[in-house]
């Protein structure tokens, strides 16, 4: 799933290519991806793109007073094309294409939104204000906002009785951090993903805050200037524990382990994060009973 660093890079990439350009046509292919109907997607045609911004994991393209807001979900992606086909895309079948945006001009440039797999979660909204999108309206603070400091982070964790892994992933608490970067942040902070947020000491909270900012800023910097098609590969290369089950930890050499968590799985290093003790995988335990 694209998270804050990848969406930040996409925002910069699209800003260079869309700002000041006129949208010629928006062609929906997977109607299930459209979450709004008023204004219709056709209302974007003829409008000039003014800005491209990010809200957490949401991409927001403003054009003539309307906002095309996109959430790429688990398997969605944006593919920039310098020359789009002249014929309209055909819906149905195994076509991963969900929506096409064509710009005015002889170059026929634009982008496709695609989604792989059978679990469809990609969401497209056309709204007058980005806050009309429920997911945007409920977002917590952005961890890369200059005004987001340790005191505010500490206040978010006060009284929070959930495991810190789940808190970091909760978009109403922090905007933009998902499964992959929460694993990376906790590894950098040398902290168990099962630790209760409210039980963190002042020193642990400060360490986690530092790891959060450093991990995300470094990921954004690695992605800076890359084309949209290169971002997924860059993300995988930069991850230390997430998605690396069975491989050696790059810090201590212990074997990276995996346990189920909520609707997904997490990866961690026992030596770096849990005092050498493997975490219990409760979902696996239930299956073995």
Foldseek 3Di string as FASTA:
>chain_A
DAFDLLLVQVQVQVQVVQAFFFWQAKFFAAPVQEPDVVVHRRVSHGWGWHGWDDQQQWIWTDTPQKIKIKHQPDFKAKAKDQADDPDDDHHDDQFQWGMWIFTDDPRRITITIGGDDDDDDIHIYIGSDPCVPVLSVLFAEELPPPPDDLVLLLVLLAPQFFFQLVQQQDRSSYGTDHQQVSLQLLLQLLADSRDTSNPDDPVSSVSSSVSSNVSSVVSNVQSHPDDRVCNVVSVVVPGQWFPQAQAARPPPGAGWHWADDDPGIHIHGCVSHPVNDDDDRVVVVVVVD
